[in-house]
N, C-alpha and C. Protein backbone atom coordinates (compact mmCIF):
# COMPACT_ATOMS: atom_id res chain seq x y z
N MET A 1 -56.76 73.57 -58.74
CA MET A 1 -57.39 73.72 -57.44
C MET A 1 -56.47 74.58 -56.58
N ASN A 2 -57.07 75.51 -55.84
CA ASN A 2 -56.22 76.36 -55.02
C ASN A 2 -55.76 75.61 -53.76
N GLU A 3 -54.81 76.21 -53.08
CA GLU A 3 -54.17 75.52 -51.96
C GLU A 3 -55.13 75.30 -50.79
N THR A 4 -56.02 76.23 -50.53
CA THR A 4 -56.96 76.08 -49.41
C THR A 4 -57.88 74.88 -49.63
N ALA A 5 -58.41 74.74 -50.83
CA ALA A 5 -59.27 73.59 -51.13
C ALA A 5 -58.48 72.29 -51.05
N SER A 6 -57.27 72.32 -51.53
CA SER A 6 -56.42 71.14 -51.49
C SER A 6 -56.15 70.70 -50.05
N LEU A 7 -55.89 71.66 -49.18
CA LEU A 7 -55.65 71.35 -47.77
C LEU A 7 -56.93 70.86 -47.09
N PHE A 8 -58.07 71.43 -47.47
CA PHE A 8 -59.35 70.98 -46.92
C PHE A 8 -59.62 69.53 -47.28
N PHE A 9 -59.37 69.17 -48.54
CA PHE A 9 -59.58 67.78 -48.96
C PHE A 9 -58.58 66.84 -48.30
N ALA A 10 -57.39 67.33 -48.02
CA ALA A 10 -56.41 66.51 -47.28
C ALA A 10 -56.91 66.26 -45.86
N LEU A 11 -57.52 67.28 -45.24
CA LEU A 11 -58.11 67.12 -43.91
C LEU A 11 -59.24 66.10 -43.95
N LEU A 12 -60.09 66.18 -44.97
CA LEU A 12 -61.17 65.20 -45.11
C LEU A 12 -60.61 63.79 -45.31
N GLY A 13 -59.53 63.69 -46.08
CA GLY A 13 -58.89 62.39 -46.26
C GLY A 13 -58.38 61.83 -44.94
N GLY A 14 -57.80 62.70 -44.11
CA GLY A 14 -57.34 62.27 -42.79
C GLY A 14 -58.48 61.83 -41.90
N LEU A 15 -59.60 62.54 -41.97
CA LEU A 15 -60.77 62.13 -41.20
C LEU A 15 -61.27 60.75 -41.65
N ALA A 16 -61.27 60.53 -42.96
CA ALA A 16 -61.71 59.24 -43.49
C ALA A 16 -60.74 58.13 -43.07
N LEU A 17 -59.44 58.40 -43.13
CA LEU A 17 -58.46 57.40 -42.73
C LEU A 17 -58.56 57.11 -41.23
N GLY A 18 -58.81 58.15 -40.44
CA GLY A 18 -58.99 57.95 -39.00
C GLY A 18 -60.23 57.12 -38.70
N THR A 19 -61.30 57.37 -39.44
CA THR A 19 -62.51 56.57 -39.26
C THR A 19 -62.25 55.12 -39.61
N PHE A 20 -61.52 54.89 -40.70
CA PHE A 20 -61.18 53.53 -41.09
C PHE A 20 -60.32 52.86 -40.02
N PHE A 21 -59.29 53.55 -39.55
CA PHE A 21 -58.35 52.97 -38.60
C PHE A 21 -59.02 52.66 -37.26
N PHE A 22 -59.66 53.65 -36.67
CA PHE A 22 -60.23 53.47 -35.33
C PHE A 22 -61.54 52.69 -35.36
N GLY A 23 -62.30 52.81 -36.44
CA GLY A 23 -63.47 51.96 -36.60
C GLY A 23 -63.06 50.50 -36.76
N GLY A 24 -61.99 50.29 -37.52
CA GLY A 24 -61.45 48.94 -37.68
C GLY A 24 -60.92 48.39 -36.37
N LEU A 25 -60.31 49.24 -35.56
CA LEU A 25 -59.82 48.81 -34.25
C LEU A 25 -60.98 48.38 -33.36
N ARG A 26 -62.03 49.18 -33.38
CA ARG A 26 -63.20 48.84 -32.56
C ARG A 26 -63.82 47.51 -33.01
N TRP A 27 -63.94 47.34 -34.32
CA TRP A 27 -64.48 46.11 -34.87
C TRP A 27 -63.60 44.92 -34.50
N THR A 28 -62.28 45.12 -34.57
CA THR A 28 -61.33 44.05 -34.25
C THR A 28 -61.44 43.63 -32.79
N VAL A 29 -61.59 44.59 -31.92
CA VAL A 29 -61.72 44.25 -30.49
C VAL A 29 -62.97 43.40 -30.27
N HIS A 30 -64.07 43.78 -30.88
CA HIS A 30 -65.30 43.00 -30.70
C HIS A 30 -65.16 41.60 -31.30
N LYS A 31 -64.58 41.50 -32.50
CA LYS A 31 -64.42 40.20 -33.14
C LYS A 31 -63.35 39.37 -32.45
N GLY A 32 -62.25 40.02 -32.08
CA GLY A 32 -61.13 39.30 -31.48
C GLY A 32 -61.44 38.72 -30.13
N MET A 33 -62.28 39.38 -29.37
CA MET A 33 -62.62 38.88 -28.04
C MET A 33 -63.49 37.62 -28.10
N MET A 34 -64.17 37.42 -29.21
CA MET A 34 -65.02 36.24 -29.35
C MET A 34 -64.33 35.11 -30.12
N SER A 35 -63.11 35.36 -30.59
CA SER A 35 -62.41 34.41 -31.44
C SER A 35 -61.61 33.41 -30.62
N ASN A 36 -61.36 32.26 -31.23
CA ASN A 36 -60.48 31.26 -30.61
C ASN A 36 -59.01 31.65 -30.76
N LYS A 37 -58.71 32.49 -31.75
CA LYS A 37 -57.33 32.94 -32.00
C LYS A 37 -57.30 34.47 -32.04
N PRO A 38 -57.43 35.11 -30.90
CA PRO A 38 -57.49 36.58 -30.90
C PRO A 38 -56.19 37.24 -31.36
N GLY A 39 -55.06 36.60 -31.09
CA GLY A 39 -53.78 37.17 -31.51
C GLY A 39 -53.70 37.34 -33.01
N LEU A 40 -54.23 36.39 -33.73
CA LEU A 40 -54.24 36.47 -35.19
C LEU A 40 -55.12 37.61 -35.67
N TRP A 41 -56.28 37.78 -35.03
CA TRP A 41 -57.16 38.90 -35.37
C TRP A 41 -56.49 40.23 -35.12
N PHE A 42 -55.91 40.38 -33.93
CA PHE A 42 -55.32 41.66 -33.56
C PHE A 42 -54.11 42.00 -34.42
N PHE A 43 -53.23 41.03 -34.62
CA PHE A 43 -52.04 41.30 -35.43
C PHE A 43 -52.39 41.54 -36.89
N GLY A 44 -53.27 40.71 -37.44
CA GLY A 44 -53.67 40.88 -38.84
C GLY A 44 -54.38 42.21 -39.07
N SER A 45 -55.23 42.57 -38.15
CA SER A 45 -55.94 43.83 -38.27
C SER A 45 -54.99 45.01 -38.15
N LEU A 46 -54.08 44.94 -37.20
CA LEU A 46 -53.11 46.02 -37.03
C LEU A 46 -52.28 46.20 -38.29
N LEU A 47 -51.79 45.11 -38.82
CA LEU A 47 -50.97 45.17 -40.03
C LEU A 47 -51.76 45.78 -41.19
N PHE A 48 -52.96 45.32 -41.39
CA PHE A 48 -53.79 45.82 -42.48
C PHE A 48 -54.13 47.30 -42.30
N ARG A 49 -54.55 47.68 -41.08
CA ARG A 49 -54.92 49.07 -40.83
C ARG A 49 -53.74 50.02 -40.98
N VAL A 50 -52.56 49.61 -40.52
CA VAL A 50 -51.38 50.47 -40.64
C VAL A 50 -50.97 50.62 -42.10
N ILE A 51 -50.97 49.53 -42.85
CA ILE A 51 -50.58 49.61 -44.26
C ILE A 51 -51.54 50.52 -45.03
N VAL A 52 -52.83 50.36 -44.83
CA VAL A 52 -53.82 51.19 -45.53
C VAL A 52 -53.69 52.65 -45.10
N THR A 53 -53.52 52.90 -43.81
CA THR A 53 -53.45 54.28 -43.31
C THR A 53 -52.19 54.99 -43.78
N VAL A 54 -51.05 54.36 -43.66
CA VAL A 54 -49.80 54.99 -44.10
C VAL A 54 -49.83 55.19 -45.62
N GLY A 55 -50.30 54.20 -46.34
CA GLY A 55 -50.44 54.35 -47.79
C GLY A 55 -51.41 55.46 -48.16
N GLY A 56 -52.49 55.57 -47.40
CA GLY A 56 -53.48 56.62 -47.65
C GLY A 56 -52.91 58.00 -47.40
N ILE A 57 -52.16 58.16 -46.32
CA ILE A 57 -51.53 59.45 -46.03
C ILE A 57 -50.53 59.80 -47.12
N TYR A 58 -49.76 58.82 -47.54
CA TYR A 58 -48.79 59.04 -48.61
C TYR A 58 -49.50 59.45 -49.90
N PHE A 59 -50.60 58.80 -50.22
CA PHE A 59 -51.36 59.11 -51.43
C PHE A 59 -51.99 60.49 -51.35
N VAL A 60 -52.63 60.80 -50.22
CA VAL A 60 -53.30 62.09 -50.06
C VAL A 60 -52.28 63.23 -50.10
N ALA A 61 -51.15 63.03 -49.44
CA ALA A 61 -50.14 64.10 -49.38
C ALA A 61 -49.55 64.39 -50.74
N GLY A 62 -49.32 63.40 -51.53
CA GLY A 62 -48.77 63.61 -52.87
C GLY A 62 -47.44 64.35 -52.87
N GLY A 63 -46.63 64.15 -51.84
CA GLY A 63 -45.33 64.80 -51.78
C GLY A 63 -45.35 66.20 -51.20
N ASN A 64 -46.50 66.67 -50.74
CA ASN A 64 -46.64 68.00 -50.18
C ASN A 64 -46.74 67.88 -48.66
N TRP A 65 -45.80 68.50 -47.95
CA TRP A 65 -45.78 68.36 -46.49
C TRP A 65 -46.99 69.03 -45.84
N LYS A 66 -47.53 70.06 -46.44
CA LYS A 66 -48.70 70.73 -45.86
C LYS A 66 -49.92 69.81 -45.91
N LYS A 67 -50.08 69.12 -47.04
CA LYS A 67 -51.20 68.18 -47.15
C LYS A 67 -51.00 67.01 -46.20
N ALA A 68 -49.77 66.55 -46.05
CA ALA A 68 -49.49 65.45 -45.12
C ALA A 68 -49.84 65.87 -43.70
N LEU A 69 -49.48 67.09 -43.34
CA LEU A 69 -49.78 67.59 -42.01
C LEU A 69 -51.29 67.70 -41.78
N MET A 70 -52.01 68.19 -42.77
CA MET A 70 -53.46 68.30 -42.65
C MET A 70 -54.11 66.92 -42.56
N CYS A 71 -53.59 65.97 -43.29
CA CYS A 71 -54.11 64.61 -43.26
C CYS A 71 -53.90 64.00 -41.88
N VAL A 72 -52.73 64.18 -41.32
CA VAL A 72 -52.44 63.66 -39.98
C VAL A 72 -53.29 64.38 -38.94
N LEU A 73 -53.52 65.67 -39.14
CA LEU A 73 -54.40 66.43 -38.23
C LEU A 73 -55.81 65.84 -38.26
N GLY A 74 -56.34 65.54 -39.43
CA GLY A 74 -57.66 64.92 -39.55
C GLY A 74 -57.70 63.57 -38.86
N PHE A 75 -56.63 62.81 -39.01
CA PHE A 75 -56.51 61.50 -38.35
C PHE A 75 -56.56 61.68 -36.83
N ALA A 76 -55.81 62.67 -36.32
CA ALA A 76 -55.77 62.91 -34.87
C ALA A 76 -57.12 63.40 -34.35
N ILE A 77 -57.81 64.22 -35.12
CA ILE A 77 -59.14 64.68 -34.73
C ILE A 77 -60.09 63.49 -34.61
N MET A 78 -60.02 62.58 -35.56
CA MET A 78 -60.89 61.41 -35.51
C MET A 78 -60.53 60.52 -34.32
N ARG A 79 -59.27 60.46 -33.96
CA ARG A 79 -58.85 59.71 -32.78
C ARG A 79 -59.51 60.29 -31.53
N MET A 80 -59.49 61.61 -31.41
CA MET A 80 -60.11 62.25 -30.25
C MET A 80 -61.62 62.00 -30.23
N ILE A 81 -62.25 62.00 -31.39
CA ILE A 81 -63.69 61.75 -31.45
C ILE A 81 -64.00 60.32 -31.01
N PHE A 82 -63.20 59.35 -31.46
CA PHE A 82 -63.44 57.96 -31.05
C PHE A 82 -63.20 57.78 -29.55
N ILE A 83 -62.18 58.43 -29.00
CA ILE A 83 -61.93 58.33 -27.56
C ILE A 83 -63.09 58.97 -26.79
N TRP A 84 -63.54 60.12 -27.24
CA TRP A 84 -64.65 60.81 -26.59
C TRP A 84 -65.91 59.94 -26.59
N ASN A 85 -66.19 59.30 -27.73
CA ASN A 85 -67.37 58.42 -27.82
C ASN A 85 -67.23 57.21 -26.91
N ALA A 86 -66.02 56.64 -26.84
CA ALA A 86 -65.81 55.48 -25.97
C ALA A 86 -65.98 55.85 -24.50
N LEU A 87 -65.49 57.00 -24.12
CA LEU A 87 -65.66 57.45 -22.74
C LEU A 87 -67.12 57.73 -22.42
N LYS A 88 -67.84 58.27 -23.39
CA LYS A 88 -69.26 58.58 -23.21
C LYS A 88 -70.07 57.29 -23.05
N GLU A 89 -69.70 56.24 -23.80
CA GLU A 89 -70.42 54.97 -23.72
C GLU A 89 -70.20 54.27 -22.38
N ASN A 90 -69.03 54.47 -21.77
CA ASN A 90 -68.70 53.76 -20.53
C ASN A 90 -69.24 54.43 -19.29
N LYS A 91 -69.92 55.53 -19.42
CA LYS A 91 -70.48 56.21 -18.24
C LYS A 91 -71.78 55.59 -17.84
């Protein structure tokens, strides 16, 4: 596979990881606010989301800093999309 395609798939991987992380955060906030033990929900979710995301970036990058950078860029793009959607919903 050529480098451009490899970097594109790393970007897609970052978008997927960002969707998992921030979608999971949104789900956790909704579940945690209705729970009797919200601290357990928030801490458990944070731990799980961080482990999966960091592991996913490590896996996608495969030791290549360019792929790691593209993966983190995809993650950051998804963060901006989730923030934009949250701001749009609150208007």
